[in-house]
Amino acid sequence: VSDLVTSPYIKTSGEFESNYVEIKEKQVSRVNLIGTIVNKSETEDKNYVSLVLDDGSEQIRIKAWREDVKILEKFNVGECVLVIGKVKNYNDETYIIPEIVKLIAPEYLLVRKLELEQEMKKNTTMQKHEIIAIKDSILQLIKQAEATEGIDREKIIMELHYASPEIINQE
């Protein structure tokens, strides 16, 4: 949830394109969240219900209007739920419009945390492999240029256009 609420919300101009949150170079327009309900609000006329979901990293509001209220009205504070829904933003608040909400056992919070930690380790390993490949490419360019006049940093950056200048400078 912290990635959702701290990442930039991008509004697209295309008719058939979804707005999205950009998280680590991914365009996220629909999410699958697990968390505990820490607050519930509803209007007297039952035309609006919102739940505040906490996953341990941050809180996010789940909102429903009119006929979609039935999706949220049966849930209460303290319950652990799985929410699948669309990411929206209004007045600088990122929130979720629910499509599916299911009551789940609280143990699934731990399962999700472990899944996310495993995914982060996988991404870190991929980045290490990519950095090693960039380092090898830099060394190869330097060796090729050694016989002639050498090579400057800008030329290496131009040659390795797939890598960021920051990583090239670091290596």
N, C-alpha and C. Protein backbone atom coordinates (compact mmCIF):
# COMPACT_ATOMS: atom_id res chain seq x y z
N VAL A 1 0.83 -1.19 0.00
CA VAL A 1 0.00 0.00 0.00
C VAL A 1 0.87 1.25 0.00
N SER A 2 2.01 1.20 0.70
CA SER A 2 2.85 2.40 0.73
C SER A 2 3.34 2.77 -0.66
N ASP A 3 3.64 1.77 -1.50
CA ASP A 3 4.03 2.07 -2.88
C ASP A 3 2.90 2.76 -3.64
N LEU A 4 1.67 2.33 -3.40
CA LEU A 4 0.52 2.93 -4.09
C LEU A 4 0.33 4.40 -3.72
N VAL A 5 0.39 4.70 -2.43
CA VAL A 5 0.06 6.05 -1.99
C VAL A 5 1.22 7.03 -2.14
N THR A 6 2.45 6.54 -2.31
CA THR A 6 3.59 7.46 -2.45
C THR A 6 4.07 7.61 -3.89
N SER A 7 3.59 6.76 -4.79
CA SER A 7 4.03 6.82 -6.19
C SER A 7 3.14 7.78 -6.98
N PRO A 8 3.67 8.32 -8.08
CA PRO A 8 2.89 9.28 -8.86
C PRO A 8 1.70 8.63 -9.58
N TYR A 9 0.57 9.33 -9.54
CA TYR A 9 -0.63 8.90 -10.25
C TYR A 9 -0.62 9.58 -11.62
N ILE A 10 -0.69 8.79 -12.68
CA ILE A 10 -0.60 9.30 -14.04
C ILE A 10 -1.98 9.25 -14.70
N LYS A 11 -2.45 10.42 -15.14
CA LYS A 11 -3.72 10.49 -15.87
C LYS A 11 -3.40 10.45 -17.36
N THR A 12 -3.96 9.47 -18.04
CA THR A 12 -3.71 9.32 -19.47
C THR A 12 -4.74 10.12 -20.25
N SER A 13 -4.38 10.47 -21.48
CA SER A 13 -5.28 11.28 -22.29
C SER A 13 -6.05 10.44 -23.31
N GLY A 14 -5.65 9.20 -23.50
CA GLY A 14 -6.32 8.34 -24.48
C GLY A 14 -7.67 7.85 -24.00
N GLU A 15 -8.56 7.66 -24.95
CA GLU A 15 -9.92 7.24 -24.63
C GLU A 15 -9.96 5.82 -24.05
N PHE A 16 -9.07 4.94 -24.54
CA PHE A 16 -9.10 3.54 -24.13
C PHE A 16 -7.94 3.18 -23.20
N GLU A 17 -7.22 4.17 -22.70
CA GLU A 17 -6.10 3.92 -21.79
C GLU A 17 -6.55 4.18 -20.36
N SER A 18 -6.08 3.32 -19.44
CA SER A 18 -6.42 3.50 -18.03
C SER A 18 -5.43 4.43 -17.36
N ASN A 19 -5.91 5.21 -16.40
CA ASN A 19 -5.01 5.96 -15.54
C ASN A 19 -4.30 4.94 -14.67
N TYR A 20 -3.12 5.30 -14.15
CA TYR A 20 -2.36 4.32 -13.39
C TYR A 20 -1.41 5.00 -12.40
N VAL A 21 -0.91 4.19 -11.48
CA VAL A 21 0.15 4.60 -10.57
C VAL A 21 1.42 3.96 -11.09
N GLU A 22 2.49 4.74 -11.17
CA GLU A 22 3.75 4.20 -11.66
C GLU A 22 4.59 3.75 -10.48
N ILE A 23 4.74 2.42 -10.33
CA ILE A 23 5.49 1.83 -9.23
C ILE A 23 6.66 1.04 -9.81
N LYS A 24 7.87 1.51 -9.54
CA LYS A 24 9.09 0.81 -9.99
C LYS A 24 9.00 0.45 -11.47
N GLU A 25 8.69 1.44 -12.29
CA GLU A 25 8.61 1.32 -13.75
C GLU A 25 7.47 0.43 -14.24
N LYS A 26 6.51 0.13 -13.36
CA LYS A 26 5.33 -0.63 -13.76
C LYS A 26 4.12 0.29 -13.70
N GLN A 27 3.20 0.12 -14.66
CA GLN A 27 1.98 0.90 -14.70
C GLN A 27 0.87 0.09 -14.03
N VAL A 28 0.48 0.49 -12.83
CA VAL A 28 -0.48 -0.27 -12.02
C VAL A 28 -1.83 0.43 -12.04
N SER A 29 -2.83 -0.22 -12.64
CA SER A 29 -4.17 0.35 -12.67
C SER A 29 -5.16 -0.51 -11.88
N ARG A 30 -4.79 -1.74 -11.57
CA ARG A 30 -5.62 -2.65 -10.78
C ARG A 30 -4.71 -3.33 -9.77
N VAL A 31 -5.24 -3.52 -8.53
CA VAL A 31 -4.41 -4.08 -7.46
C VAL A 31 -5.11 -5.25 -6.78
N ASN A 32 -4.28 -6.03 -6.09
CA ASN A 32 -4.72 -7.14 -5.26
C ASN A 32 -4.07 -6.89 -3.90
N LEU A 33 -4.87 -6.47 -2.92
CA LEU A 33 -4.36 -6.08 -1.60
C LEU A 33 -4.92 -6.98 -0.51
N ILE A 34 -4.11 -7.16 0.53
CA ILE A 34 -4.58 -7.84 1.74
C ILE A 34 -4.29 -6.91 2.90
N GLY A 35 -5.29 -6.71 3.76
CA GLY A 35 -5.08 -5.84 4.91
C GLY A 35 -6.20 -5.97 5.91
N THR A 36 -6.07 -5.21 6.98
CA THR A 36 -7.06 -5.18 8.05
C THR A 36 -7.87 -3.89 7.95
N ILE A 37 -9.17 -4.00 8.11
CA ILE A 37 -10.03 -2.82 8.09
C ILE A 37 -9.85 -2.09 9.42
N VAL A 38 -9.44 -0.82 9.35
CA VAL A 38 -9.22 -0.04 10.57
C VAL A 38 -10.25 1.07 10.75
N ASN A 39 -11.08 1.30 9.72
CA ASN A 39 -12.12 2.32 9.83
C ASN A 39 -13.19 2.02 8.79
N LYS A 40 -14.43 2.34 9.14
CA LYS A 40 -15.55 2.19 8.21
C LYS A 40 -16.45 3.40 8.34
N SER A 41 -16.84 3.98 7.19
CA SER A 41 -17.76 5.12 7.17
C SER A 41 -18.83 4.86 6.13
N GLU A 42 -20.04 5.33 6.45
CA GLU A 42 -21.11 5.24 5.46
C GLU A 42 -22.09 6.38 5.67
N THR A 43 -22.70 6.80 4.59
CA THR A 43 -23.69 7.86 4.70
C THR A 43 -25.00 7.29 5.22
N GLU A 44 -25.84 8.17 5.79
CA GLU A 44 -27.12 7.73 6.34
C GLU A 44 -28.00 7.09 5.28
N ASP A 45 -27.95 7.64 4.05
CA ASP A 45 -28.80 7.11 2.98
C ASP A 45 -28.21 5.86 2.32
N LYS A 46 -27.06 5.39 2.83
CA LYS A 46 -26.40 4.16 2.35
C LYS A 46 -25.99 4.25 0.87
N ASN A 47 -25.74 5.47 0.37
CA ASN A 47 -25.29 5.64 -1.01
C ASN A 47 -23.76 5.69 -1.13
N TYR A 48 -23.07 5.67 0.00
CA TYR A 48 -21.61 5.71 -0.01
C TYR A 48 -21.07 4.96 1.20
N VAL A 49 -20.09 4.09 0.96
CA VAL A 49 -19.39 3.39 2.03
C VAL A 49 -17.91 3.43 1.72
N SER A 50 -17.11 3.66 2.78
CA SER A 50 -15.66 3.57 2.60
C SER A 50 -15.06 2.77 3.75
N LEU A 51 -14.04 2.02 3.41
CA LEU A 51 -13.26 1.27 4.38
C LEU A 51 -11.84 1.78 4.30
N VAL A 52 -11.16 1.85 5.44
CA VAL A 52 -9.74 2.18 5.43
C VAL A 52 -9.01 0.87 5.70
N LEU A 53 -8.14 0.49 4.76
CA LEU A 53 -7.41 -0.77 4.82
C LEU A 53 -5.96 -0.50 5.19
N ASP A 54 -5.45 -1.26 6.15
CA ASP A 54 -4.06 -1.12 6.61
C ASP A 54 -3.35 -2.45 6.37
N ASP A 55 -2.23 -2.42 5.63
CA ASP A 55 -1.49 -3.65 5.37
C ASP A 55 -0.17 -3.72 6.15
N GLY A 56 0.02 -2.78 7.07
CA GLY A 56 1.24 -2.75 7.87
C GLY A 56 2.26 -1.77 7.34
N SER A 57 2.12 -1.37 6.07
CA SER A 57 3.05 -0.40 5.50
C SER A 57 2.42 0.99 5.41
N GLU A 58 1.11 1.04 5.22
CA GLU A 58 0.38 2.29 5.01
C GLU A 58 -1.10 1.98 4.99
N GLN A 59 -1.92 3.01 4.94
CA GLN A 59 -3.37 2.84 4.87
C GLN A 59 -3.87 3.41 3.55
N ILE A 60 -4.97 2.81 3.05
CA ILE A 60 -5.60 3.30 1.82
C ILE A 60 -7.11 3.13 1.97
N ARG A 61 -7.85 4.05 1.36
CA ARG A 61 -9.31 4.03 1.45
C ARG A 61 -9.87 3.21 0.27
N ILE A 62 -10.87 2.39 0.58
CA ILE A 62 -11.62 1.62 -0.41
C ILE A 62 -13.00 2.28 -0.46
N LYS A 63 -13.43 2.76 -1.64
CA LYS A 63 -14.67 3.54 -1.74
C LYS A 63 -15.67 2.89 -2.69
N ALA A 64 -16.95 2.95 -2.30
CA ALA A 64 -18.02 2.45 -3.16
C ALA A 64 -19.22 3.39 -3.08
N TRP A 65 -19.90 3.56 -4.22
CA TRP A 65 -21.07 4.42 -4.33
C TRP A 65 -22.25 3.63 -4.88
N ARG A 66 -23.44 4.13 -4.59
CA ARG A 66 -24.72 3.63 -5.12
C ARG A 66 -24.83 2.10 -5.08
N GLU A 67 -25.03 1.45 -6.23
CA GLU A 67 -25.26 0.00 -6.25
C GLU A 67 -24.02 -0.81 -5.85
N ASP A 68 -22.84 -0.21 -5.89
CA ASP A 68 -21.62 -0.92 -5.51
C ASP A 68 -21.41 -0.97 -3.99
N VAL A 69 -22.24 -0.24 -3.22
CA VAL A 69 -22.14 -0.22 -1.77
C VAL A 69 -22.26 -1.63 -1.19
N LYS A 70 -23.04 -2.48 -1.83
CA LYS A 70 -23.27 -3.84 -1.33
C LYS A 70 -21.96 -4.64 -1.25
N ILE A 71 -20.97 -4.26 -2.03
CA ILE A 71 -19.67 -4.94 -1.99
C ILE A 71 -18.99 -4.74 -0.63
N LEU A 72 -19.16 -3.55 -0.02
CA LEU A 72 -18.43 -3.21 1.20
C LEU A 72 -19.26 -3.26 2.48
N GLU A 73 -20.58 -3.14 2.40
CA GLU A 73 -21.41 -2.94 3.59
C GLU A 73 -21.35 -4.08 4.60
N LYS A 74 -21.02 -5.28 4.19
CA LYS A 74 -21.04 -6.42 5.11
C LYS A 74 -19.75 -6.58 5.92
N PHE A 75 -18.73 -5.75 5.64
CA PHE A 75 -17.44 -5.87 6.33
C PHE A 75 -17.35 -4.88 7.49
N ASN A 76 -16.57 -5.26 8.52
CA ASN A 76 -16.47 -4.45 9.74
C ASN A 76 -15.02 -4.22 10.15
N VAL A 77 -14.82 -3.21 10.99
CA VAL A 77 -13.50 -2.89 11.53
C VAL A 77 -12.93 -4.11 12.24
N GLY A 78 -11.64 -4.37 12.00
CA GLY A 78 -10.95 -5.49 12.63
C GLY A 78 -10.86 -6.72 11.75
N GLU A 79 -11.66 -6.78 10.69
CA GLU A 79 -11.63 -7.95 9.81
C GLU A 79 -10.48 -7.84 8.81
N CYS A 80 -9.97 -8.98 8.43
CA CYS A 80 -8.90 -9.05 7.43
C CYS A 80 -9.55 -9.40 6.09
N VAL A 81 -9.24 -8.62 5.05
CA VAL A 81 -9.88 -8.82 3.75
C VAL A 81 -8.86 -8.81 2.61
N LEU A 82 -9.25 -9.46 1.53
CA LEU A 82 -8.55 -9.39 0.26
C LEU A 82 -9.37 -8.48 -0.63
N VAL A 83 -8.74 -7.49 -1.25
CA VAL A 83 -9.44 -6.53 -2.10
C VAL A 83 -8.78 -6.53 -3.48
N ILE A 84 -9.59 -6.71 -4.50
CA ILE A 84 -9.14 -6.53 -5.88
C ILE A 84 -9.94 -5.37 -6.43
N GLY A 85 -9.23 -4.38 -6.97
CA GLY A 85 -9.95 -3.21 -7.47
C GLY A 85 -9.09 -2.29 -8.30
N LYS A 86 -9.72 -1.22 -8.77
CA LYS A 86 -9.07 -0.24 -9.63
C LYS A 86 -8.51 0.91 -8.81
N VAL A 87 -7.32 1.35 -9.18
CA VAL A 87 -6.67 2.47 -8.51
C VAL A 87 -7.21 3.77 -9.10
N LYS A 88 -7.64 4.67 -8.23
CA LYS A 88 -8.15 5.98 -8.65
C LYS A 88 -7.50 7.05 -7.80
N ASN A 89 -7.65 8.30 -8.22
CA ASN A 89 -7.09 9.42 -7.48
C ASN A 89 -8.01 10.62 -7.65
N TYR A 90 -8.31 11.27 -6.51
CA TYR A 90 -9.13 12.48 -6.52
C TYR A 90 -8.65 13.38 -5.40
N ASN A 91 -8.44 14.65 -5.69
CA ASN A 91 -7.94 15.62 -4.70
C ASN A 91 -6.67 15.12 -4.01
N ASP A 92 -5.74 14.58 -4.79
CA ASP A 92 -4.46 14.08 -4.29
C ASP A 92 -4.59 12.91 -3.33
N GLU A 93 -5.73 12.23 -3.32
CA GLU A 93 -5.87 11.01 -2.52
C GLU A 93 -5.98 9.82 -3.48
N THR A 94 -5.06 8.88 -3.34
CA THR A 94 -5.15 7.65 -4.10
C THR A 94 -6.03 6.69 -3.31
N TYR A 95 -7.00 6.08 -3.99
CA TYR A 95 -7.93 5.16 -3.34
C TYR A 95 -8.26 4.01 -4.29
N ILE A 96 -9.03 3.05 -3.79
CA ILE A 96 -9.38 1.87 -4.58
C ILE A 96 -10.89 1.81 -4.75
N ILE A 97 -11.35 1.53 -5.97
CA ILE A 97 -12.74 1.20 -6.23
C ILE A 97 -12.79 -0.32 -6.29
N PRO A 98 -13.49 -0.96 -5.34
CA PRO A 98 -13.43 -2.42 -5.24
C PRO A 98 -14.22 -3.13 -6.33
N GLU A 99 -13.67 -4.24 -6.79
CA GLU A 99 -14.38 -5.13 -7.70
C GLU A 99 -14.72 -6.43 -6.97
N ILE A 100 -13.76 -6.91 -6.16
CA ILE A 100 -13.96 -8.12 -5.35
C ILE A 100 -13.41 -7.84 -3.96
N VAL A 101 -14.17 -8.18 -2.93
CA VAL A 101 -13.71 -8.09 -1.55
C VAL A 101 -14.11 -9.38 -0.85
N LYS A 102 -13.13 -10.06 -0.23
CA LYS A 102 -13.40 -11.32 0.46
C LYS A 102 -12.79 -11.31 1.84
N LEU A 103 -13.53 -11.83 2.79
CA LEU A 103 -13.04 -12.02 4.15
C LEU A 103 -12.03 -13.15 4.13
N ILE A 104 -10.87 -12.95 4.76
CA ILE A 104 -9.84 -13.99 4.80
C ILE A 104 -9.28 -14.12 6.22
N ALA A 105 -8.56 -15.19 6.45
CA ALA A 105 -7.92 -15.41 7.75
C ALA A 105 -6.75 -14.44 7.91
N PRO A 106 -6.53 -13.90 9.10
CA PRO A 106 -5.43 -12.95 9.33
C PRO A 106 -4.04 -13.50 8.99
N GLU A 107 -3.89 -14.82 8.99
CA GLU A 107 -2.59 -15.43 8.65
C GLU A 107 -2.14 -15.05 7.24
N TYR A 108 -3.09 -14.72 6.37
CA TYR A 108 -2.73 -14.35 5.01
C TYR A 108 -1.94 -13.05 4.93
N LEU A 109 -2.05 -12.20 5.96
CA LEU A 109 -1.20 -11.00 6.02
C LEU A 109 0.27 -11.40 6.05
N LEU A 110 0.60 -12.41 6.85
CA LEU A 110 1.97 -12.91 6.93
C LEU A 110 2.39 -13.56 5.61
N VAL A 111 1.49 -14.33 5.01
CA VAL A 111 1.80 -14.97 3.72
C VAL A 111 2.11 -13.91 2.68
N ARG A 112 1.28 -12.85 2.62
CA ARG A 112 1.52 -11.79 1.63
C ARG A 112 2.84 -11.08 1.89
N LYS A 113 3.15 -10.83 3.17
CA LYS A 113 4.41 -10.19 3.52
C LYS A 113 5.59 -11.02 3.03
N LEU A 114 5.52 -12.32 3.23
CA LEU A 114 6.60 -13.21 2.77
C LEU A 114 6.69 -13.23 1.25
N GLU A 115 5.54 -13.21 0.57
CA GLU A 115 5.53 -13.16 -0.90
C GLU A 115 6.23 -11.90 -1.39
N LEU A 116 5.92 -10.76 -0.78
CA LEU A 116 6.51 -9.49 -1.18
C LEU A 116 8.02 -9.46 -0.91
N GLU A 117 8.45 -10.00 0.23
CA GLU A 117 9.88 -10.06 0.54
C GLU A 117 10.61 -10.93 -0.48
N GLN A 118 10.00 -12.06 -0.86
CA GLN A 118 10.60 -12.94 -1.86
C GLN A 118 10.70 -12.23 -3.21
N GLU A 119 9.68 -11.50 -3.58
CA GLU A 119 9.69 -10.75 -4.85
C GLU A 119 10.78 -9.69 -4.84
N MET A 120 10.94 -9.00 -3.70
CA MET A 120 11.98 -7.97 -3.61
C MET A 120 13.38 -8.59 -3.75
N LYS A 121 13.59 -9.76 -3.13
CA LYS A 121 14.88 -10.45 -3.26
C LYS A 121 15.14 -10.84 -4.70
N LYS A 122 14.10 -11.32 -5.39
CA LYS A 122 14.22 -11.70 -6.79
C LYS A 122 14.61 -10.48 -7.64
N ASN A 123 13.95 -9.35 -7.41
CA ASN A 123 14.27 -8.14 -8.16
C ASN A 123 15.69 -7.66 -7.87
N THR A 124 16.14 -7.76 -6.63
CA THR A 124 17.50 -7.35 -6.27
C THR A 124 18.51 -8.24 -6.99
N THR A 125 18.25 -9.54 -7.04
CA THR A 125 19.15 -10.47 -7.74
C THR A 125 19.21 -10.13 -9.21
N MET A 126 18.07 -9.82 -9.82
CA MET A 126 18.05 -9.45 -11.23
C MET A 126 18.88 -8.18 -11.44
N GLN A 127 18.78 -7.24 -10.55
CA GLN A 127 19.53 -6.01 -10.71
C GLN A 127 21.03 -6.27 -10.61
N LYS A 128 21.44 -7.18 -9.73
CA LYS A 128 22.86 -7.51 -9.61
C LYS A 128 23.37 -8.11 -10.91
N HIS A 129 22.59 -9.01 -11.53
CA HIS A 129 22.99 -9.60 -12.81
C HIS A 129 23.10 -8.53 -13.89
N GLU A 130 22.13 -7.62 -13.90
CA GLU A 130 22.16 -6.54 -14.89
C GLU A 130 23.39 -5.65 -14.70
N ILE A 131 23.73 -5.34 -13.46
CA ILE A 131 24.89 -4.49 -13.18
C ILE A 131 26.18 -5.19 -13.60
N ILE A 132 26.26 -6.49 -13.36
CA ILE A 132 27.45 -7.24 -13.80
C ILE A 132 27.57 -7.19 -15.32
N ALA A 133 26.44 -7.33 -16.02
CA ALA A 133 26.46 -7.27 -17.49
C ALA A 133 26.89 -5.88 -17.96
N ILE A 134 26.43 -4.84 -17.29
CA ILE A 134 26.83 -3.47 -17.66
C ILE A 134 28.32 -3.28 -17.42
N LYS A 135 28.80 -3.75 -16.28
CA LYS A 135 30.22 -3.64 -15.96
C LYS A 135 31.07 -4.34 -17.02
N ASP A 136 30.65 -5.54 -17.43
CA ASP A 136 31.37 -6.28 -18.49
C ASP A 136 31.37 -5.50 -19.80
N SER A 137 30.24 -4.89 -20.13
CA SER A 137 30.15 -4.10 -21.37
C SER A 137 31.06 -2.88 -21.31
N ILE A 138 31.12 -2.22 -20.16
CA ILE A 138 32.01 -1.06 -19.99
C ILE A 138 33.47 -1.49 -20.18
N LEU A 139 33.85 -2.58 -19.53
CA LEU A 139 35.23 -3.08 -19.66
C LEU A 139 35.55 -3.44 -21.11
N GLN A 140 34.62 -4.05 -21.79
CA GLN A 140 34.82 -4.42 -23.20
C GLN A 140 35.02 -3.16 -24.06
N LEU A 141 34.22 -2.13 -23.85
CA LEU A 141 34.37 -0.89 -24.60
C LEU A 141 35.73 -0.23 -24.32
N ILE A 142 36.16 -0.25 -23.08
CA ILE A 142 37.46 0.34 -22.72
C ILE A 142 38.59 -0.44 -23.37
N LYS A 143 38.52 -1.76 -23.35
CA LYS A 143 39.57 -2.60 -23.97
C LYS A 143 39.63 -2.37 -25.47
N GLN A 144 38.47 -2.26 -26.11
CA GLN A 144 38.42 -2.01 -27.56
C GLN A 144 39.06 -0.66 -27.91
N ALA A 145 38.85 0.32 -27.05
CA ALA A 145 39.35 1.68 -27.32
C ALA A 145 40.79 1.87 -26.87
N GLU A 146 41.33 0.95 -26.09
CA GLU A 146 42.69 1.08 -25.56
C GLU A 146 43.72 1.18 -26.67
N ALA A 147 43.54 0.40 -27.73
CA ALA A 147 44.51 0.37 -28.83
C ALA A 147 44.52 1.69 -29.59
N THR A 148 43.44 2.41 -29.56
CA THR A 148 43.37 3.69 -30.28
C THR A 148 43.56 4.84 -29.30
N GLU A 149 42.66 5.76 -29.31
CA GLU A 149 42.80 6.97 -28.50
C GLU A 149 42.13 6.88 -27.13
N GLY A 150 41.51 5.77 -26.79
CA GLY A 150 40.79 5.65 -25.53
C GLY A 150 39.31 6.00 -25.73
N ILE A 151 38.58 6.04 -24.66
CA ILE A 151 37.15 6.33 -24.75
C ILE A 151 36.74 7.18 -23.56
N ASP A 152 35.89 8.16 -23.80
CA ASP A 152 35.44 9.00 -22.69
C ASP A 152 34.09 8.51 -22.16
N ARG A 153 33.73 8.99 -21.02
CA ARG A 153 32.52 8.55 -20.32
C ARG A 153 31.26 8.79 -21.14
N GLU A 154 31.19 9.92 -21.82
CA GLU A 154 29.99 10.23 -22.62
C GLU A 154 29.78 9.22 -23.74
N LYS A 155 30.87 8.77 -24.35
CA LYS A 155 30.76 7.79 -25.43
C LYS A 155 30.28 6.45 -24.88
N ILE A 156 30.75 6.09 -23.69
CA ILE A 156 30.29 4.85 -23.07
C ILE A 156 28.79 4.94 -22.78
N ILE A 157 28.36 6.08 -22.27
CA ILE A 157 26.94 6.28 -21.98
C ILE A 157 26.11 6.18 -23.27
N MET A 158 26.62 6.74 -24.35
CA MET A 158 25.91 6.66 -25.64
C MET A 158 25.87 5.23 -26.17
N GLU A 159 26.96 4.50 -26.03
CA GLU A 159 27.03 3.12 -26.51
C GLU A 159 26.10 2.20 -25.71
N LEU A 160 26.04 2.42 -24.42
CA LEU A 160 25.22 1.58 -23.54
C LEU A 160 23.90 2.29 -23.22
N HIS A 161 23.17 2.65 -24.25
CA HIS A 161 21.94 3.43 -24.10
C HIS A 161 20.87 2.73 -23.26
N TYR A 162 20.97 1.43 -23.09
CA TYR A 162 19.99 0.68 -22.30
C TYR A 162 20.22 0.81 -20.79
N ALA A 163 21.36 1.36 -20.40
CA ALA A 163 21.68 1.51 -18.98
C ALA A 163 21.62 2.98 -18.59
N SER A 164 21.29 3.24 -17.34
CA SER A 164 21.20 4.63 -16.88
C SER A 164 22.60 5.22 -16.71
N PRO A 165 22.78 6.50 -16.99
CA PRO A 165 24.08 7.15 -16.80
C PRO A 165 24.59 7.03 -15.37
N GLU A 166 23.67 7.03 -14.38
CA GLU A 166 24.08 6.91 -12.99
C GLU A 166 24.79 5.59 -12.72
N ILE A 167 24.24 4.50 -13.25
CA ILE A 167 24.86 3.19 -13.05
C ILE A 167 26.18 3.11 -13.79
N ILE A 168 26.22 3.64 -14.99
CA ILE A 168 27.48 3.65 -15.77
C ILE A 168 28.55 4.43 -15.02
N ASN A 169 28.21 5.61 -14.53
CA ASN A 169 29.18 6.42 -13.77
C ASN A 169 29.64 5.68 -12.51
N GLN A 170 28.73 5.02 -11.85
CA GLN A 170 29.07 4.28 -10.64
C GLN A 170 30.03 3.14 -10.95
N GLU A 171 29.79 2.43 -12.02
CA GLU A 171 30.65 1.28 -12.37
C GLU A 171 31.95 1.75 -12.98
